[in-house]
């Protein structure tokens, strides 16, 4: 540790009461502004593709990126922090989870286990599949193919009642089964309607963009904990990545990831303020995602 660094619990506990109250403030309005801008961008790009504006194929990639980064909206809503109203958090989690094919109720338990056991190889479910340790595995990870396969497997496993995950208590397991069935039936209904009306709209405004946007989400998520120390201190085991305002917008400020893990009750729109308080304590940072991936690729070469 540096001379000023300390465990995240002590760093958060040292924040004065007035600042703590300000950082924990939740707001439906601020959440709805963010949500409206994100969904508005998705709608504008989707309409451009649907009506076939000039050069509309060029819209597929940005559309895919903003669709797949609804995962960060799902993530935030799982913490019940973007909105003061619980029903808004639940609604956004369901819609965002549906768009990225991640069952939100299941993800909530999965993600809370990740927060409780961050970078613990034996208990952090995010580490169960391992991180890419060769260039070939890195490319496979970025392709998103393993993620789509895993998401589909979770949906069918849950639908079949196999919800015996260590991180899911017994009582809510029937809800996970129902959730999976409802999602699968909704996906099936969309496919049937598209076939019935002989429409390719679903293919062009959702399926193709999602496939093209997934690698960008994977590249973003890889930076959160990869090659971070296997320690309990959230200011050390999670990486804050300094990036552009556009990336912070589509990612709901989650590039401030060490800050989020240190105090997950802080809403996304307050994370820059939390960073200002904790910045001298954050131990794992990177100047941009390009620099992070350049270093990762170089490390693959050094270890070969």
C-alpha atoms as a PDB file:
ATOM      1  CA  UNK A   1       0.000   0.000   0.000  1.00  0.00           C
ATOM      2  CA  UNK A   2       0.991   3.634  -0.444  1.00  0.00           C
ATOM      3  CA  UNK A   3       1.453   5.854   2.559  1.00  0.00           C
ATOM      4  CA  UNK A   4      -2.101   7.217   2.252  1.00  0.00           C
ATOM      5  CA  UNK A   5      -3.865   3.999   1.233  1.00  0.00           C
ATOM      6  CA  UNK A   6      -6.083   2.036   3.575  1.00  0.00           C
ATOM      7  CA  UNK A   7      -8.723  -0.671   3.515  1.00  0.00           C
ATOM      8  CA  UNK A   8     -11.949   0.399   1.797  1.00  0.00           C
ATOM      9  CA  UNK A   9     -13.970  -0.086   4.996  1.00  0.00           C
ATOM     10  CA  UNK A  10     -11.805   2.351   6.913  1.00  0.00           C
ATOM     11  CA  UNK A  11     -11.740   4.801   3.996  1.00  0.00           C
ATOM     12  CA  UNK A  12     -15.542   4.875   3.782  1.00  0.00           C
ATOM     13  CA  UNK A  13     -15.948   5.010   7.578  1.00  0.00           C
ATOM     14  CA  UNK A  14     -13.711   8.090   7.670  1.00  0.00           C
ATOM     15  CA  UNK A  15     -16.114  10.109   5.489  1.00  0.00           C
ATOM     16  CA  UNK A  16     -17.963  12.732   7.537  1.00  0.00           C
ATOM     17  CA  UNK A  17     -21.705  12.406   8.160  1.00  0.00           C
ATOM     18  CA  UNK A  18     -22.736  15.329   5.937  1.00  0.00           C
ATOM     19  CA  UNK A  19     -20.785  14.017   2.973  1.00  0.00           C
ATOM     20  CA  UNK A  20     -22.090  10.494   3.565  1.00  0.00           C
ATOM     21  CA  UNK A  21     -25.695  11.713   3.480  1.00  0.00           C
ATOM     22  CA  UNK A  22     -25.049  13.627   0.258  1.00  0.00           C
ATOM     23  CA  UNK A  23     -23.383  10.648  -1.416  1.00  0.00           C
ATOM     24  CA  UNK A  24     -26.217   8.271  -0.500  1.00  0.00           C
ATOM     25  CA  UNK A  25     -28.939  10.528  -1.932  1.00  0.00           C
ATOM     26  CA  UNK A  26     -31.149   8.764  -4.471  1.00  0.00           C
ATOM     27  CA  UNK A  27     -33.289  10.475  -7.069  1.00  0.00           C
ATOM     28  CA  UNK A  28     -35.953   9.254  -9.478  1.00  0.00           C
ATOM     29  CA  UNK A  29     -35.351  12.372 -11.584  1.00  0.00           C
ATOM     30  CA  UNK A  30     -31.600  11.835 -12.029  1.00  0.00           C
ATOM     31  CA  UNK A  31     -32.173   8.167 -12.776  1.00  0.00           C
ATOM     32  CA  UNK A  32     -34.915   8.933 -15.295  1.00  0.00           C
ATOM     33  CA  UNK A  33     -32.748  11.504 -17.068  1.00  0.00           C
ATOM     34  CA  UNK A  34     -29.990   8.933 -17.515  1.00  0.00           C
ATOM     35  CA  UNK A  35     -32.473   6.241 -18.534  1.00  0.00           C
ATOM     36  CA  UNK A  36     -34.295   8.549 -20.944  1.00  0.00           C
ATOM     37  CA  UNK A  37     -31.062   9.548 -22.661  1.00  0.00           C
ATOM     38  CA  UNK A  38     -29.889   5.926 -22.928  1.00  0.00           C
ATOM     39  CA  UNK A  39     -33.219   4.551 -24.142  1.00  0.00           C
ATOM     40  CA  UNK A  40     -33.686   7.594 -26.367  1.00  0.00           C
ATOM     41  CA  UNK A  41     -30.359   6.903 -28.064  1.00  0.00           C
ATOM     42  CA  UNK A  42     -31.335   3.258 -28.581  1.00  0.00           C
ATOM     43  CA  UNK A  43     -34.707   4.317 -30.039  1.00  0.00           C
ATOM     44  CA  UNK A  44     -33.196   6.911 -32.378  1.00  0.00           C
ATOM     45  CA  UNK A  45     -30.633   4.483 -33.786  1.00  0.00           C
ATOM     46  CA  UNK A  46     -33.188   1.654 -34.044  1.00  0.00           C
ATOM     47  CA  UNK A  47     -35.617   3.893 -35.935  1.00  0.00           C
ATOM     48  CA  UNK A  48     -32.830   4.918 -38.299  1.00  0.00           C
ATOM     49  CA  UNK A  49     -32.138   1.259 -39.056  1.00  0.00           C
ATOM     50  CA  UNK A  50     -35.840   0.369 -39.293  1.00  0.00           C
ATOM     51  CA  UNK A  51     -36.709   3.085 -41.813  1.00  0.00           C
ATOM     52  CA  UNK A  52     -33.510   2.584 -43.770  1.00  0.00           C
ATOM     53  CA  UNK A  53     -31.943   6.025 -43.568  1.00  0.00           C
ATOM     54  CA  UNK A  54     -28.973   6.580 -45.912  1.00  0.00           C
ATOM     55  CA  UNK A  55     -25.977   4.527 -44.802  1.00  0.00           C
ATOM     56  CA  UNK A  56     -28.153   2.782 -42.200  1.00  0.00           C
ATOM     57  CA  UNK A  57     -25.776  -0.227 -41.871  1.00  0.00           C
ATOM     58  CA  UNK A  58     -23.311   2.160 -40.234  1.00  0.00           C
ATOM     59  CA  UNK A  59     -25.795   2.528 -37.365  1.00  0.00           C
ATOM     60  CA  UNK A  60     -25.727  -1.181 -36.472  1.00  0.00           C
ATOM     61  CA  UNK A  61     -22.528  -1.034 -34.437  1.00  0.00           C
ATOM     62  CA  UNK A  62     -23.389   2.025 -32.301  1.00  0.00           C
ATOM     63  CA  UNK A  63     -26.888   0.611 -31.842  1.00  0.00           C
ATOM     64  CA  UNK A  64     -25.397  -2.675 -30.663  1.00  0.00           C
ATOM     65  CA  UNK A  65     -23.067  -0.929 -28.237  1.00  0.00           C
ATOM     66  CA  UNK A  66     -25.808   1.113 -26.564  1.00  0.00           C
ATOM     67  CA  UNK A  67     -28.096  -1.939 -26.423  1.00  0.00           C
ATOM     68  CA  UNK A  68     -25.462  -4.161 -24.830  1.00  0.00           C
ATOM     69  CA  UNK A  69     -24.464  -1.466 -22.361  1.00  0.00           C
ATOM     70  CA  UNK A  70     -27.950  -1.808 -20.964  1.00  0.00           C
ATOM     71  CA  UNK A  71     -26.129  -4.432 -18.927  1.00  0.00           C
ATOM     72  CA  UNK A  72     -24.760  -1.563 -16.849  1.00  0.00           C
ATOM     73  CA  UNK A  73     -28.322  -0.318 -16.283  1.00  0.00           C
ATOM     74  CA  UNK A  74     -29.253  -3.844 -15.167  1.00  0.00           C
ATOM     75  CA  UNK A  75     -26.229  -3.877 -12.888  1.00  0.00           C
ATOM     76  CA  UNK A  76     -27.153  -0.585 -11.266  1.00  0.00           C
ATOM     77  CA  UNK A  77     -30.822  -1.473 -10.911  1.00  0.00           C
ATOM     78  CA  UNK A  78     -29.795  -4.712  -9.190  1.00  0.00           C
ATOM     79  CA  UNK A  79     -28.353  -2.544  -6.430  1.00  0.00           C
ATOM     80  CA  UNK A  80     -31.612  -0.532  -6.149  1.00  0.00           C
ATOM     81  CA  UNK A  81     -29.593   2.676  -6.434  1.00  0.00           C
ATOM     82  CA  UNK A  82     -30.472   4.448  -9.728  1.00  0.00           C
ATOM     83  CA  UNK A  83     -33.959   5.416  -8.539  1.00  0.00           C
ATOM     84  CA  UNK A  84     -35.523   6.238  -5.213  1.00  0.00           C
ATOM     85  CA  UNK A  85     -38.613   4.196  -6.176  1.00  0.00           C
ATOM     86  CA  UNK A  86     -38.182   0.436  -5.867  1.00  0.00           C
ATOM     87  CA  UNK A  87     -40.643  -0.295  -8.686  1.00  0.00           C
ATOM     88  CA  UNK A  88     -38.545   1.755 -11.106  1.00  0.00           C
ATOM     89  CA  UNK A  89     -35.421  -0.198 -10.177  1.00  0.00           C
ATOM     90  CA  UNK A  90     -37.279  -3.464 -10.724  1.00  0.00           C
ATOM     91  CA  UNK A  91     -38.767  -2.344 -14.058  1.00  0.00           C
ATOM     92  CA  UNK A  92     -35.423  -1.174 -15.453  1.00  0.00           C
ATOM     93  CA  UNK A  93     -33.741  -4.386 -14.308  1.00  0.00           C
ATOM     94  CA  UNK A  94     -36.336  -6.496 -16.127  1.00  0.00           C
ATOM     95  CA  UNK A  95     -36.251  -4.512 -19.376  1.00  0.00           C
ATOM     96  CA  UNK A  96     -32.456  -4.223 -19.442  1.00  0.00           C
ATOM     97  CA  UNK A  97     -31.981  -7.885 -18.528  1.00  0.00           C
ATOM     98  CA  UNK A  98     -34.342  -8.918 -21.304  1.00  0.00           C
ATOM     99  CA  UNK A  99     -32.451  -6.833 -23.869  1.00  0.00           C
ATOM    100  CA  UNK A 100     -29.094  -8.413 -23.007  1.00  0.00           C
ATOM    101  CA  UNK A 101     -30.479 -11.912 -22.256  1.00  0.00           C
ATOM    102  CA  UNK A 102     -29.555 -11.913 -18.567  1.00  0.00           C
ATOM    103  CA  UNK A 103     -32.322 -12.924 -16.119  1.00  0.00           C
ATOM    104  CA  UNK A 104     -32.362 -10.021 -13.645  1.00  0.00           C
ATOM    105  CA  UNK A 105     -33.518 -11.868 -10.524  1.00  0.00           C
ATOM    106  CA  UNK A 106     -30.834 -14.530 -10.984  1.00  0.00           C
ATOM    107  CA  UNK A 107     -28.244 -11.868 -11.769  1.00  0.00           C
ATOM    108  CA  UNK A 108     -29.054 -10.032  -8.543  1.00  0.00           C
ATOM    109  CA  UNK A 109     -27.971 -13.024  -6.436  1.00  0.00           C
ATOM    110  CA  UNK A 110     -25.008 -13.778  -8.697  1.00  0.00           C
ATOM    111  CA  UNK A 111     -23.806 -10.198  -8.492  1.00  0.00           C
ATOM    112  CA  UNK A 112     -24.256  -9.836  -4.748  1.00  0.00           C
ATOM    113  CA  UNK A 113     -22.091 -12.934  -4.306  1.00  0.00           C
ATOM    114  CA  UNK A 114     -19.483 -11.251  -6.506  1.00  0.00           C
ATOM    115  CA  UNK A 115     -19.572  -8.195  -4.233  1.00  0.00           C
ATOM    116  CA  UNK A 116     -19.280 -10.265  -1.065  1.00  0.00           C
ATOM    117  CA  UNK A 117     -16.368 -12.305  -2.412  1.00  0.00           C
ATOM    118  CA  UNK A 118     -14.662 -10.027  -4.936  1.00  0.00           C
ATOM    119  CA  UNK A 119     -11.476 -11.632  -6.296  1.00  0.00           C
ATOM    120  CA  UNK A 120     -11.831 -14.634  -3.992  1.00  0.00           C
ATOM    121  CA  UNK A 121     -11.056 -17.544  -6.369  1.00  0.00           C
ATOM    122  CA  UNK A 122     -13.053 -19.993  -4.268  1.00  0.00           C
ATOM    123  CA  UNK A 123     -16.237 -17.957  -3.841  1.00  0.00           C
ATOM    124  CA  UNK A 124     -16.458 -15.163  -6.436  1.00  0.00           C
ATOM    125  CA  UNK A 125     -18.824 -16.529  -9.139  1.00  0.00           C
ATOM    126  CA  UNK A 126     -17.304 -14.182 -11.720  1.00  0.00           C
ATOM    127  CA  UNK A 127     -14.071 -16.161 -11.442  1.00  0.00           C
ATOM    128  CA  UNK A 128     -15.735 -19.553 -11.914  1.00  0.00           C
ATOM    129  CA  UNK A 129     -15.079 -19.583 -15.640  1.00  0.00           C
ATOM    130  CA  UNK A 130     -11.594 -18.106 -15.296  1.00  0.00           C
ATOM    131  CA  UNK A 131     -10.156 -15.046 -16.989  1.00  0.00           C
ATOM    132  CA  UNK A 132      -8.447 -15.298 -20.382  1.00  0.00           C
ATOM    133  CA  UNK A 133      -4.789 -16.197 -19.864  1.00  0.00           C
ATOM    134  CA  UNK A 134      -3.752 -16.647 -23.508  1.00  0.00           C
ATOM    135  CA  UNK A 135      -4.252 -14.490 -26.570  1.00  0.00           C
ATOM    136  CA  UNK A 136      -6.546 -17.085 -28.117  1.00  0.00           C
ATOM    137  CA  UNK A 137      -8.782 -17.191 -25.033  1.00  0.00           C
ATOM    138  CA  UNK A 138      -8.729 -13.408 -24.949  1.00  0.00           C
ATOM    139  CA  UNK A 139     -10.073 -13.207 -28.505  1.00  0.00           C
ATOM    140  CA  UNK A 140     -12.702 -15.851 -27.731  1.00  0.00           C
ATOM    141  CA  UNK A 141     -13.783 -13.891 -24.669  1.00  0.00           C
ATOM    142  CA  UNK A 142     -14.057 -10.655 -26.647  1.00  0.00           C
ATOM    143  CA  UNK A 143     -16.137 -12.356 -29.339  1.00  0.00           C
ATOM    144  CA  UNK A 144     -18.913 -12.839 -26.799  1.00  0.00           C
ATOM    145  CA  UNK A 145     -19.631 -16.374 -27.987  1.00  0.00           C
ATOM    146  CA  UNK A 146     -18.943 -17.939 -24.595  1.00  0.00           C
ATOM    147  CA  UNK A 147     -21.123 -15.298 -22.933  1.00  0.00           C
ATOM    148  CA  UNK A 148     -24.103 -15.916 -25.219  1.00  0.00           C
ATOM    149  CA  UNK A 149     -23.690 -19.644 -24.664  1.00  0.00           C
ATOM    150  CA  UNK A 150     -23.541 -19.141 -20.912  1.00  0.00           C
ATOM    151  CA  UNK A 151     -26.573 -16.830 -20.830  1.00  0.00           C
ATOM    152  CA  UNK A 152     -28.670 -19.295 -22.813  1.00  0.00           C
ATOM    153  CA  UNK A 153     -27.506 -22.153 -20.587  1.00  0.00           C
ATOM    154  CA  UNK A 154     -28.538 -20.213 -17.455  1.00  0.00           C
ATOM    155  CA  UNK A 155     -32.000 -19.509 -18.876  1.00  0.00           C
ATOM    156  CA  UNK A 156     -32.644 -23.147 -19.756  1.00  0.00           C
ATOM    157  CA  UNK A 157     -31.085 -24.449 -16.528  1.00  0.00           C
ATOM    158  CA  UNK A 158     -33.310 -22.140 -14.489  1.00  0.00           C
ATOM    159  CA  UNK A 159     -36.388 -23.014 -16.546  1.00  0.00           C
ATOM    160  CA  UNK A 160     -35.767 -26.692 -15.835  1.00  0.00           C
ATOM    161  CA  UNK A 161     -35.704 -25.970 -12.111  1.00  0.00           C
ATOM    162  CA  UNK A 162     -31.981 -26.497 -11.656  1.00  0.00           C
ATOM    163  CA  UNK A 163     -31.488 -23.364  -9.568  1.00  0.00           C
ATOM    164  CA  UNK A 164     -29.328 -24.936  -6.884  1.00  0.00           C
ATOM    165  CA  UNK A 165     -26.681 -22.218  -7.056  1.00  0.00           C
ATOM    166  CA  UNK A 166     -24.668 -21.823  -3.869  1.00  0.00           C
ATOM    167  CA  UNK A 167     -25.347 -18.071  -3.879  1.00  0.00           C
ATOM    168  CA  UNK A 168     -29.163 -18.368  -4.227  1.00  0.00           C
ATOM    169  CA  UNK A 169     -31.157 -19.069  -1.034  1.00  0.00           C
ATOM    170  CA  UNK A 170     -33.861 -21.723  -1.111  1.00  0.00           C
ATOM    171  CA  UNK A 171     -36.862 -19.415  -0.791  1.00  0.00           C
ATOM    172  CA  UNK A 172     -36.487 -17.309  -3.980  1.00  0.00           C
ATOM    173  CA  UNK A 173     -35.599 -20.229  -6.256  1.00  0.00           C
ATOM    174  CA  UNK A 174     -39.153 -20.726  -7.607  1.00  0.00           C
ATOM    175  CA  UNK A 175     -39.100 -17.077  -8.743  1.00  0.00           C
ATOM    176  CA  UNK A 176     -35.969 -17.779 -10.775  1.00  0.00           C
ATOM    177  CA  UNK A 177     -37.746 -20.665 -12.506  1.00  0.00           C
ATOM    178  CA  UNK A 178     -40.749 -18.470 -13.342  1.00  0.00           C
ATOM    179  CA  UNK A 179     -38.477 -15.652 -14.512  1.00  0.00           C
ATOM    180  CA  UNK A 180     -36.659 -17.953 -16.930  1.00  0.00           C
ATOM    181  CA  UNK A 181     -39.910 -19.337 -18.352  1.00  0.00           C
ATOM    182  CA  UNK A 182     -41.343 -15.856 -18.905  1.00  0.00           C
ATOM    183  CA  UNK A 183     -38.187 -14.688 -20.680  1.00  0.00           C
ATOM    184  CA  UNK A 184     -37.992 -17.769 -22.894  1.00  0.00           C
ATOM    185  CA  UNK A 185     -41.682 -17.475 -23.801  1.00  0.00           C
ATOM    186  CA  UNK A 186     -41.235 -13.784 -24.626  1.00  0.00           C
ATOM    187  CA  UNK A 187     -38.240 -14.513 -26.878  1.00  0.00           C
ATOM    188  CA  UNK A 188     -40.197 -17.309 -28.566  1.00  0.00           C
ATOM    189  CA  UNK A 189     -43.187 -15.005 -29.090  1.00  0.00           C
ATOM    190  CA  UNK A 190     -41.005 -12.381 -30.769  1.00  0.00           C
ATOM    191  CA  UNK A 191     -39.505 -14.990 -33.105  1.00  0.00           C
ATOM    192  CA  UNK A 192     -42.937 -16.413 -33.948  1.00  0.00           C
ATOM    193  CA  UNK A 193     -44.371 -12.954 -34.675  1.00  0.00           C
ATOM    194  CA  UNK A 194     -41.367 -12.072 -36.853  1.00  0.00           C
ATOM    195  CA  UNK A 195     -41.846 -15.286 -38.815  1.00  0.00           C
ATOM    196  CA  UNK A 196     -45.627 -14.823 -39.053  1.00  0.00           C
ATOM    197  CA  UNK A 197     -45.299 -11.316 -40.486  1.00  0.00           C
ATOM    198  CA  UNK A 198     -42.186 -12.244 -42.473  1.00  0.00           C
ATOM    199  CA  UNK A 199     -40.401  -9.315 -40.892  1.00  0.00           C
ATOM    200  CA  UNK A 200     -36.645  -8.932 -40.578  1.00  0.00           C
ATOM    201  CA  UNK A 201     -37.011  -5.973 -38.188  1.00  0.00           C
ATOM    202  CA  UNK A 202     -36.078  -7.958 -35.085  1.00  0.00           C
ATOM    203  CA  UNK A 203     -33.012  -9.307 -36.853  1.00  0.00           C
ATOM    204  CA  UNK A 204     -31.710  -5.880 -37.855  1.00  0.00           C
ATOM    205  CA  UNK A 205     -32.634  -3.731 -34.854  1.00  0.00           C
ATOM    206  CA  UNK A 206     -31.760  -6.189 -32.096  1.00  0.00           C
ATOM    207  CA  UNK A 207     -30.082  -9.482 -33.000  1.00  0.00           C
ATOM    208  CA  UNK A 208     -27.349  -8.236 -35.353  1.00  0.00           C
ATOM    209  CA  UNK A 209     -26.598  -5.143 -33.252  1.00  0.00           C
ATOM    210  CA  UNK A 210     -26.396  -7.241 -30.071  1.00  0.00           C
ATOM    211  CA  UNK A 211     -23.885  -9.590 -31.685  1.00  0.00           C
ATOM    212  CA  UNK A 212     -21.734  -6.685 -32.892  1.00  0.00           C
ATOM    213  CA  UNK A 213     -22.010  -4.728 -29.639  1.00  0.00           C
ATOM    214  CA  UNK A 214     -21.203  -7.586 -27.260  1.00  0.00           C
ATOM    215  CA  UNK A 215     -17.406  -7.471 -27.871  1.00  0.00           C
ATOM    216  CA  UNK A 216     -17.340  -3.839 -26.746  1.00  0.00           C
ATOM    217  CA  UNK A 217     -19.158  -4.698 -23.533  1.00  0.00           C
ATOM    218  CA  UNK A 218     -16.753  -7.621 -22.985  1.00  0.00           C
ATOM    219  CA  UNK A 219     -13.756  -5.313 -23.521  1.00  0.00           C
ATOM    220  CA  UNK A 220     -15.167  -2.873 -20.988  1.00  0.00           C
ATOM    221  CA  UNK A 221     -16.005  -5.514 -18.367  1.00  0.00           C
ATOM    222  CA  UNK A 222     -12.626  -7.226 -18.651  1.00  0.00           C
ATOM    223  CA  UNK A 223     -10.950  -4.143 -17.204  1.00  0.00           C
ATOM    224  CA  UNK A 224     -12.954  -4.180 -13.975  1.00  0.00           C
ATOM    225  CA  UNK A 225     -10.972  -6.867 -12.140  1.00  0.00           C
ATOM    226  CA  UNK A 226      -8.618  -8.658 -14.544  1.00  0.00           C
ATOM    227  CA  UNK A 227      -5.031  -8.783 -13.267  1.00  0.00           C
ATOM    228  CA  UNK A 228      -6.128  -7.102 -10.033  1.00  0.00           C
ATOM    229  CA  UNK A 229      -4.755  -8.497  -6.743  1.00  0.00           C
ATOM    230  CA  UNK A 230      -6.595 -11.342  -5.013  1.00  0.00           C
ATOM    231  CA  UNK A 231      -7.142  -9.360  -1.824  1.00  0.00           C
ATOM    232  CA  UNK A 232     -10.193  -8.265   0.168  1.00  0.00           C
ATOM    233  CA  UNK A 233      -9.534  -4.516  -0.147  1.00  0.00           C
ATOM    234  CA  UNK A 234     -11.957  -3.157  -2.763  1.00  0.00           C
ATOM    235  CA  UNK A 235      -9.714  -0.171  -3.394  1.00  0.00           C
ATOM    236  CA  UNK A 236      -7.100  -2.630  -4.619  1.00  0.00           C
ATOM    237  CA  UNK A 237      -9.003  -5.597  -6.116  1.00  0.00           C
ATOM    238  CA  UNK A 238     -11.159  -3.461  -8.442  1.00  0.00           C
ATOM    239  CA  UNK A 239      -9.903  -1.168 -11.205  1.00  0.00           C
ATOM    240  CA  UNK A 240     -11.029   2.393 -11.835  1.00  0.00           C
ATOM    241  CA  UNK A 241     -10.485   3.308 -15.476  1.00  0.00           C
ATOM    242  CA  UNK A 242     -10.244   6.965 -16.470  1.00  0.00           C
ATOM    243  CA  UNK A 243     -12.120   7.393 -19.722  1.00  0.00           C
ATOM    244  CA  UNK A 244     -14.289   9.712 -21.807  1.00  0.00           C
ATOM    245  CA  UNK A 245     -17.615  11.227 -20.796  1.00  0.00           C
ATOM    246  CA  UNK A 246     -19.342   9.167 -23.511  1.00  0.00           C
ATOM    247  CA  UNK A 247     -18.089   5.872 -22.076  1.00  0.00           C
ATOM    248  CA  UNK A 248     -19.005   6.968 -18.560  1.00  0.00           C
ATOM    249  CA  UNK A 249     -22.488   7.809 -19.848  1.00  0.00           C
ATOM    250  CA  UNK A 250     -23.255   4.491 -21.563  1.00  0.00           C
ATOM    251  CA  UNK A 251     -21.662   2.599 -18.649  1.00  0.00           C
ATOM    252  CA  UNK A 252     -23.629   4.509 -16.004  1.00  0.00           C
ATOM    253  CA  UNK A 253     -20.378   5.737 -14.377  1.00  0.00           C
ATOM    254  CA  UNK A 254     -19.206   2.192 -13.652  1.00  0.00           C
ATOM    255  CA  UNK A 255     -15.649   2.944 -14.842  1.00  0.00           C
ATOM    256  CA  UNK A 256     -15.394   4.273 -11.260  1.00  0.00           C
ATOM    257  CA  UNK A 257     -15.363   0.629 -10.299  1.00  0.00           C
ATOM    258  CA  UNK A 258     -13.137   0.629  -7.229  1.00  0.00           C
ATOM    259  CA  UNK A 259     -15.353   3.345  -5.781  1.00  0.00           C
ATOM    260  CA  UNK A 260     -18.492   1.355  -6.595  1.00  0.00           C
ATOM    261  CA  UNK A 261     -17.140  -1.789  -4.931  1.00  0.00           C
ATOM    262  CA  UNK A 262     -15.969   0.165  -1.910  1.00  0.00           C
ATOM    263  CA  UNK A 263     -19.434   1.599  -1.318  1.00  0.00           C
ATOM    264  CA  UNK A 264     -22.068  -0.013  -3.588  1.00  0.00           C
ATOM    265  CA  UNK A 265     -24.942   1.866  -1.924  1.00  0.00           C
ATOM    266  CA  UNK A 266     -23.823   5.076  -3.656  1.00  0.00           C
ATOM    267  CA  UNK A 267     -25.933   5.804  -6.792  1.00  0.00           C
ATOM    268  CA  UNK A 268     -24.210   5.919 -10.167  1.00  0.00           C
ATOM    269  CA  UNK A 269     -24.574   9.700 -10.517  1.00  0.00           C
ATOM    270  CA  UNK A 270     -22.752  10.242  -7.218  1.00  0.00           C
ATOM    271  CA  UNK A 271     -19.731   8.090  -8.106  1.00  0.00           C
ATOM    272  CA  UNK A 272     -17.662  11.012  -9.489  1.00  0.00           C
ATOM    273  CA  UNK A 273     -18.167  12.750  -6.140  1.00  0.00           C
ATOM    274  CA  UNK A 274     -17.189   9.575  -4.277  1.00  0.00           C
ATOM    275  CA  UNK A 275     -14.091   9.343  -6.463  1.00  0.00           C
ATOM    276  CA  UNK A 276     -13.156  12.888  -5.460  1.00  0.00           C
ATOM    277  CA  UNK A 277     -13.281  11.752  -1.815  1.00  0.00           C
ATOM    278  CA  UNK A 278     -11.454   8.440  -2.262  1.00  0.00           C
ATOM    279  CA  UNK A 279      -9.098   9.184  -5.168  1.00  0.00           C
ATOM    280  CA  UNK A 280      -5.954   9.168  -3.026  1.00  0.00           C
ATOM    281  CA  UNK A 281      -6.949   5.728  -1.710  1.00  0.00           C
ATOM    282  CA  UNK A 282      -7.706   3.998  -5.022  1.00  0.00           C
ATOM    283  CA  UNK A 283      -4.764   1.724  -5.729  1.00  0.00           C
ATOM    284  CA  UNK A 284      -5.620   0.092  -9.067  1.00  0.00           C
ATOM    285  CA  UNK A 285      -6.310   2.463 -11.955  1.00  0.00           C
ATOM    286  CA  UNK A 286      -5.737   2.729 -15.680  1.00  0.00           C
ATOM    287  CA  UNK A 287      -5.655   5.604 -18.142  1.00  0.00           C
ATOM    288  CA  UNK A 288      -8.151   4.391 -20.708  1.00  0.00           C
ATOM    289  CA  UNK A 289      -9.361   1.046 -22.010  1.00  0.00           C
ATOM    290  CA  UNK A 290      -6.959   1.047 -24.955  1.00  0.00           C
ATOM    291  CA  UNK A 291      -3.998   1.208 -22.550  1.00  0.00           C
ATOM    292  CA  UNK A 292      -5.466  -1.599 -20.438  1.00  0.00           C
ATOM    293  CA  UNK A 293      -5.925  -3.916 -23.423  1.00  0.00           C
ATOM    294  CA  UNK A 294      -2.515  -3.038 -24.842  1.00  0.00           C
ATOM    295  CA  UNK A 295      -0.919  -4.080 -21.549  1.00  0.00           C
ATOM    296  CA  UNK A 296      -2.950  -7.292 -21.405  1.00  0.00           C
ATOM    297  CA  UNK A 297      -1.925  -8.280 -24.930  1.00  0.00           C
ATOM    298  CA  UNK A 298       1.731  -7.532 -24.149  1.00  0.00           C
ATOM    299  CA  UNK A 299       1.528  -9.686 -21.029  1.00  0.00           C
ATOM    300  CA  UNK A 300       0.199 -12.567 -23.118  1.00  0.00           C
ATOM    301  CA  UNK A 301       3.238 -12.219 -25.321  1.00  0.00           C
ATOM    302  CA  UNK A 302       5.633 -12.072 -22.363  1.00  0.00           C
ATOM    303  CA  UNK A 303       4.182 -15.266 -20.877  1.00  0.00           C
ATOM    304  CA  UNK A 304       4.261 -17.290 -24.106  1.00  0.00           C
END
